[in-house]
Amino acid sequence: MLLRRIRDALGLSQTELLNLLDLTAYYEYSRISLWERGHREPPIKVLLSYARVAGISTDVLIDDDLDLPKKLSLANLLKKKAAGKKTPRGRQS
């Protein structure tokens, strides 16, 4: 249920989340549903990706005594991605 709350708080569809987690080469969107409903446990690498996307510690995903922050945002992730992109260099005359 926590994974579903994260996805809902970020306003993403299962497919959008899978793309954002960069897992489309490994899973189909239906896997997200299995993780969200607790029918399958996501691998630790997937939990790490969830934490990075949501801007939270993996501890929150693993420790039942910790609460999810009230507000989640993709803003920090988008800033990091933008900062990491290299701009193409134009040809000098």
Protein backbone atom coordinates (compact mmCIF):
# COMPACT_ATOMS: atom_id res chain seq x y z
CA MET A 1 0.00 0.00 0.00
CA LEU A 2 2.89 2.38 0.70
CA LEU A 3 4.15 2.08 -2.88
CA ARG A 4 0.68 2.95 -4.15
CA ARG A 5 0.54 5.98 -1.87
CA ILE A 6 3.86 7.16 -3.28
CA ARG A 7 2.68 6.77 -6.87
CA ASP A 8 -0.62 8.52 -6.13
CA ALA A 9 1.12 11.37 -4.27
CA LEU A 10 3.38 11.91 -7.26
CA GLY A 11 0.39 11.86 -9.62
CA LEU A 12 1.79 9.11 -11.84
CA SER A 13 0.23 6.21 -13.68
CA GLN A 14 1.85 2.79 -13.32
CA THR A 15 3.38 3.15 -16.77
CA GLU A 16 4.72 6.64 -16.01
CA LEU A 17 6.25 5.38 -12.78
CA LEU A 18 7.86 2.43 -14.51
CA ASN A 19 9.39 4.82 -17.05
CA LEU A 20 10.58 7.19 -14.33
CA LEU A 21 12.13 4.30 -12.39
CA ASP A 22 13.88 3.35 -15.64
CA LEU A 23 12.63 -0.23 -15.36
CA THR A 24 10.79 -0.67 -18.66
CA ALA A 25 13.48 -3.02 -19.96
CA TYR A 26 12.90 -5.39 -17.03
CA TYR A 27 9.22 -5.17 -16.07
CA GLU A 28 5.78 -4.43 -17.46
CA TYR A 29 3.45 -1.98 -15.71
CA SER A 30 1.46 -4.90 -14.27
CA ARG A 31 4.42 -5.65 -11.98
CA ILE A 32 3.83 -2.27 -10.30
CA SER A 33 0.35 -3.47 -9.40
CA LEU A 34 1.69 -6.68 -7.87
CA TRP A 35 4.13 -4.68 -5.72
CA GLU A 36 1.48 -2.15 -4.70
CA ARG A 37 -0.99 -4.83 -3.62
CA GLY A 38 1.66 -6.79 -1.72
CA HIS A 39 1.44 -9.86 -3.96
CA ARG A 40 5.16 -9.58 -4.76
CA GLU A 41 8.07 -7.98 -2.96
CA PRO A 42 10.05 -5.55 -5.11
CA PRO A 43 13.81 -6.12 -5.26
CA ILE A 44 15.96 -3.81 -3.16
CA LYS A 45 17.15 -1.99 -6.30
CA VAL A 46 13.53 -1.17 -7.12
CA LEU A 47 12.96 0.12 -3.58
CA LEU A 48 16.03 2.28 -3.93
CA SER A 49 14.64 3.69 -7.19
CA TYR A 50 11.27 4.39 -5.51
CA ALA A 51 13.04 6.20 -2.68
CA ARG A 52 15.08 8.32 -5.08
CA VAL A 53 12.04 9.25 -7.16
CA ALA A 54 10.04 10.17 -4.04
CA GLY A 55 12.97 11.96 -2.39
CA ILE A 56 12.78 9.82 0.74
CA SER A 57 15.06 7.41 2.58
CA THR A 58 14.79 3.70 1.84
CA ASP A 59 14.27 3.34 5.60
CA VAL A 60 10.75 4.71 5.13
CA LEU A 61 9.99 1.93 2.64
CA ILE A 62 11.45 -0.83 4.80
CA ASP A 63 10.66 0.17 8.40
CA ASP A 64 6.96 -0.07 9.26
CA ASP A 65 7.49 2.27 12.23
CA LEU A 66 8.42 5.18 9.96
CA ASP A 67 5.82 7.30 8.22
CA LEU A 68 5.78 8.53 4.66
CA PRO A 69 6.20 12.32 4.52
CA LYS A 70 2.91 14.16 4.09
CA LYS A 71 4.01 15.74 0.83
CA LEU A 72 6.05 14.20 -1.97
CA SER A 73 7.25 15.99 -5.06
CA LEU A 74 9.04 15.18 -8.27
CA ALA A 75 10.59 18.65 -8.26
CA ASN A 76 13.88 17.57 -6.66
CA LEU A 77 14.25 14.62 -9.02
CA LEU A 78 13.54 16.78 -12.06
CA LYS A 79 16.10 19.35 -10.88
CA LYS A 80 18.72 16.63 -10.45
CA LYS A 81 18.00 15.20 -13.89
CA ALA A 82 18.17 18.63 -15.49
CA ALA A 83 21.47 19.40 -13.75
CA GLY A 84 22.89 16.08 -14.90
CA LYS A 85 22.06 16.58 -18.58
CA LYS A 86 24.85 17.83 -20.73
CA THR A 87 23.96 20.45 -23.26
CA PRO A 88 25.19 19.78 -26.77
CA ARG A 89 28.00 22.03 -27.82
CA GLY A 90 27.51 24.06 -30.92
CA ARG A 91 30.10 24.10 -33.64
CA GLN A 92 32.47 26.96 -33.42
CA SER A 93 33.00 29.07 -36.50
